[in-house]
């Protein structure tokens, strides 16, 4: 994918040595972007739980994709089975470097995840969306789970998309 300035964004699968850079990217989003919707106390709590070990845990059960500009990790996204369901999947850990928001990388992440085998086999895909990102996902065809626009116990909106099963 190319940004409007001609910069190339490439995608590859996650490697263990990516974990620290990815966690730093996520924490930057919490501190620079999500803080506006959640406040400093909530962000401090998020930062405390989003460690390299936490991300390695996600990578142990999810298909994680890394989006790069040269050697720089510009974004990350992952998809997993939804609690082991063969017909449901969940999109997780979707983040882009704050200075690159609005450039199309987030859309590229979703398009990549929607080509993954866990997406293609699913009838329903869920996203726990932050207050910050909910409208972005809605533009891409995800809507409030069961039509309910309410924050859950993790302060996320639960969004979902249904896919028709191919014969």
Protein backbone atom coordinates (compact mmCIF):
# COMPACT_ATOMS: atom_id res chain seq x y z
CA UNK A 1 0.00 0.00 0.00
CA UNK A 2 1.22 3.50 -0.75
CA UNK A 3 0.58 6.61 1.31
CA UNK A 4 -0.36 9.81 -0.52
CA UNK A 5 3.26 11.00 -0.30
CA UNK A 6 4.45 7.83 -2.08
CA UNK A 7 5.74 6.09 1.05
CA UNK A 8 5.35 2.31 0.81
CA UNK A 9 3.67 0.41 3.65
CA UNK A 10 4.37 -3.33 3.66
CA UNK A 11 2.75 -6.11 5.68
CA UNK A 12 4.29 -9.20 7.18
CA UNK A 13 3.55 -11.68 9.93
CA UNK A 14 4.63 -10.91 13.48
CA UNK A 15 8.03 -12.04 14.76
CA UNK A 16 8.93 -12.37 18.45
CA UNK A 17 11.49 -9.56 18.22
CA UNK A 18 8.65 -7.15 17.23
CA UNK A 19 6.93 -7.29 20.63
CA UNK A 20 8.69 -4.39 22.35
CA UNK A 21 8.27 -1.97 19.41
CA UNK A 22 4.60 -2.96 19.08
CA UNK A 23 3.92 -2.42 22.78
CA UNK A 24 5.59 1.00 22.58
CA UNK A 25 3.34 1.87 19.59
CA UNK A 26 0.23 0.78 21.55
CA UNK A 27 1.26 2.75 24.64
CA UNK A 28 1.89 5.86 22.53
CA UNK A 29 -1.69 5.55 21.25
CA UNK A 30 -3.02 5.27 24.80
CA UNK A 31 -1.01 8.29 25.98
CA UNK A 32 -1.42 10.54 22.92
CA UNK A 33 -4.81 9.57 21.46
CA UNK A 34 -7.05 7.50 23.74
CA UNK A 35 -6.32 9.72 26.76
CA UNK A 36 -8.67 12.31 25.22
CA UNK A 37 -11.62 9.90 25.53
CA UNK A 38 -10.66 7.97 28.66
CA UNK A 39 -8.63 10.32 30.87
CA UNK A 40 -5.23 9.94 32.48
CA UNK A 41 -6.19 7.49 35.26
CA UNK A 42 -7.75 4.99 32.86
CA UNK A 43 -4.78 5.29 30.50
CA UNK A 44 -2.33 4.68 33.37
CA UNK A 45 -4.20 1.46 34.16
CA UNK A 46 -4.09 0.39 30.48
CA UNK A 47 -0.39 1.12 30.18
CA UNK A 48 0.30 -0.98 33.30
CA UNK A 49 -1.36 -4.07 31.78
CA UNK A 50 -0.11 -3.73 28.19
CA UNK A 51 3.37 -5.18 28.57
CA UNK A 52 5.62 -7.17 26.26
CA UNK A 53 4.49 -10.31 28.10
CA UNK A 54 0.83 -9.39 27.51
CA UNK A 55 1.46 -8.93 23.78
CA UNK A 56 3.40 -12.19 23.54
CA UNK A 57 0.31 -13.81 25.04
CA UNK A 58 -1.89 -12.30 22.31
CA UNK A 59 0.58 -13.47 19.67
CA UNK A 60 0.39 -17.02 21.05
CA UNK A 61 -3.28 -17.40 20.04
CA UNK A 62 -3.87 -14.78 17.33
CA UNK A 63 -2.68 -14.24 13.77
CA UNK A 64 -0.73 -10.99 14.14
CA UNK A 65 0.23 -8.77 11.20
CA UNK A 66 2.86 -6.03 11.31
CA UNK A 67 2.68 -3.01 8.97
CA UNK A 68 6.02 -1.40 8.20
CA UNK A 69 7.52 1.66 6.57
CA UNK A 70 11.03 0.44 5.92
CA UNK A 71 12.14 -1.08 9.23
CA UNK A 72 9.73 1.06 11.29
CA UNK A 73 6.61 -0.66 12.62
CA UNK A 74 3.83 1.76 11.64
CA UNK A 75 0.87 -0.40 12.66
CA UNK A 76 -0.32 -3.74 14.00
CA UNK A 77 -3.48 -5.80 13.84
CA UNK A 78 -4.53 -9.29 14.83
CA UNK A 79 -7.36 -11.75 14.46
CA UNK A 80 -8.28 -14.73 16.60
CA UNK A 81 -11.00 -17.28 16.96
CA UNK A 82 -13.73 -15.88 19.23
CA UNK A 83 -13.49 -18.07 22.34
CA UNK A 84 -12.65 -21.12 20.17
CA UNK A 85 -15.72 -20.80 17.95
CA UNK A 86 -15.36 -22.26 14.44
CA UNK A 87 -17.83 -19.68 13.08
CA UNK A 88 -16.83 -16.52 14.94
CA UNK A 89 -13.62 -14.48 15.04
CA UNK A 90 -12.47 -11.32 16.78
CA UNK A 91 -10.21 -8.48 15.61
CA UNK A 92 -7.76 -7.33 18.26
CA UNK A 93 -4.84 -4.96 18.91
CA UNK A 94 -5.41 -2.67 15.93
CA UNK A 95 -3.11 0.34 16.29
CA UNK A 96 -1.29 2.81 14.02
CA UNK A 97 1.48 5.21 15.03
CA UNK A 98 -0.31 8.40 16.17
CA UNK A 99 1.47 10.61 13.62
CA UNK A 100 0.21 8.32 10.82
CA UNK A 101 -3.49 8.34 11.76
CA UNK A 102 -5.76 9.28 8.87
CA UNK A 103 -3.32 8.14 6.17
CA UNK A 104 -5.05 4.85 5.23
CA UNK A 105 -2.95 2.44 7.27
CA UNK A 106 -5.86 1.53 9.56
CA UNK A 107 -8.01 0.67 6.56
CA UNK A 108 -5.11 -1.40 5.16
CA UNK A 109 -4.91 -3.27 8.48
CA UNK A 110 -8.64 -4.11 8.38
CA UNK A 111 -8.45 -5.16 4.72
CA UNK A 112 -5.51 -7.44 5.57
CA UNK A 113 -7.31 -9.00 8.54
CA UNK A 114 -10.40 -9.52 6.37
CA UNK A 115 -8.29 -11.69 4.02
CA UNK A 116 -7.04 -13.91 6.88
CA UNK A 117 -8.34 -17.48 7.03
CA UNK A 118 -9.91 -16.82 10.46
CA UNK A 119 -11.99 -14.02 8.95
CA UNK A 120 -12.89 -15.95 5.81
CA UNK A 121 -14.18 -18.96 7.76
CA UNK A 122 -16.24 -16.85 10.17
CA UNK A 123 -19.91 -16.00 9.90
CA UNK A 124 -19.59 -13.28 12.55
CA UNK A 125 -16.61 -11.09 13.40
CA UNK A 126 -16.46 -8.94 16.51
CA UNK A 127 -14.31 -5.92 17.37
CA UNK A 128 -13.98 -4.44 20.86
CA UNK A 129 -13.75 -0.80 19.74
CA UNK A 130 -12.42 2.06 21.79
CA UNK A 131 -14.48 5.24 22.01
CA UNK A 132 -11.78 6.77 19.82
CA UNK A 133 -12.03 4.19 17.01
CA UNK A 134 -15.72 3.24 16.95
CA UNK A 135 -16.70 5.50 14.02
CA UNK A 136 -13.71 4.33 11.99
CA UNK A 137 -14.87 0.71 12.26
CA UNK A 138 -18.48 1.65 11.54
CA UNK A 139 -17.35 3.22 8.23
CA UNK A 140 -15.84 -0.18 7.37
CA UNK A 141 -19.12 -2.06 7.83
CA UNK A 142 -19.03 -3.02 11.51
CA UNK A 143 -22.05 -2.12 13.63
CA UNK A 144 -23.05 -2.24 17.27
CA UNK A 145 -23.43 -5.82 18.56
CA UNK A 146 -27.12 -6.67 18.84
CA UNK A 147 -27.81 -3.03 17.91
CA UNK A 148 -26.71 -1.88 21.38
CA UNK A 149 -24.60 1.29 21.54
CA UNK A 150 -23.18 0.96 25.04
CA UNK A 151 -19.75 0.66 26.60
CA UNK A 152 -18.92 -2.73 28.13
CA UNK A 153 -17.02 -3.37 31.38
CA UNK A 154 -13.72 -2.74 29.51
CA UNK A 155 -15.00 0.62 28.17
CA UNK A 156 -15.26 -0.70 24.62
CA UNK A 157 -18.14 -0.68 22.21
CA UNK A 158 -18.76 -4.19 20.93
CA UNK A 159 -19.09 -4.07 17.15
CA UNK A 160 -19.78 -6.92 14.75
CA UNK A 161 -19.97 -7.77 11.08
CA UNK A 162 -21.76 -10.74 9.55
CA UNK A 163 -20.56 -12.65 6.51
CA UNK A 164 -22.73 -14.79 4.30
CA UNK A 165 -21.58 -18.41 4.28
CA UNK A 166 -20.37 -19.43 0.84
CA UNK A 167 -21.71 -22.68 -0.55
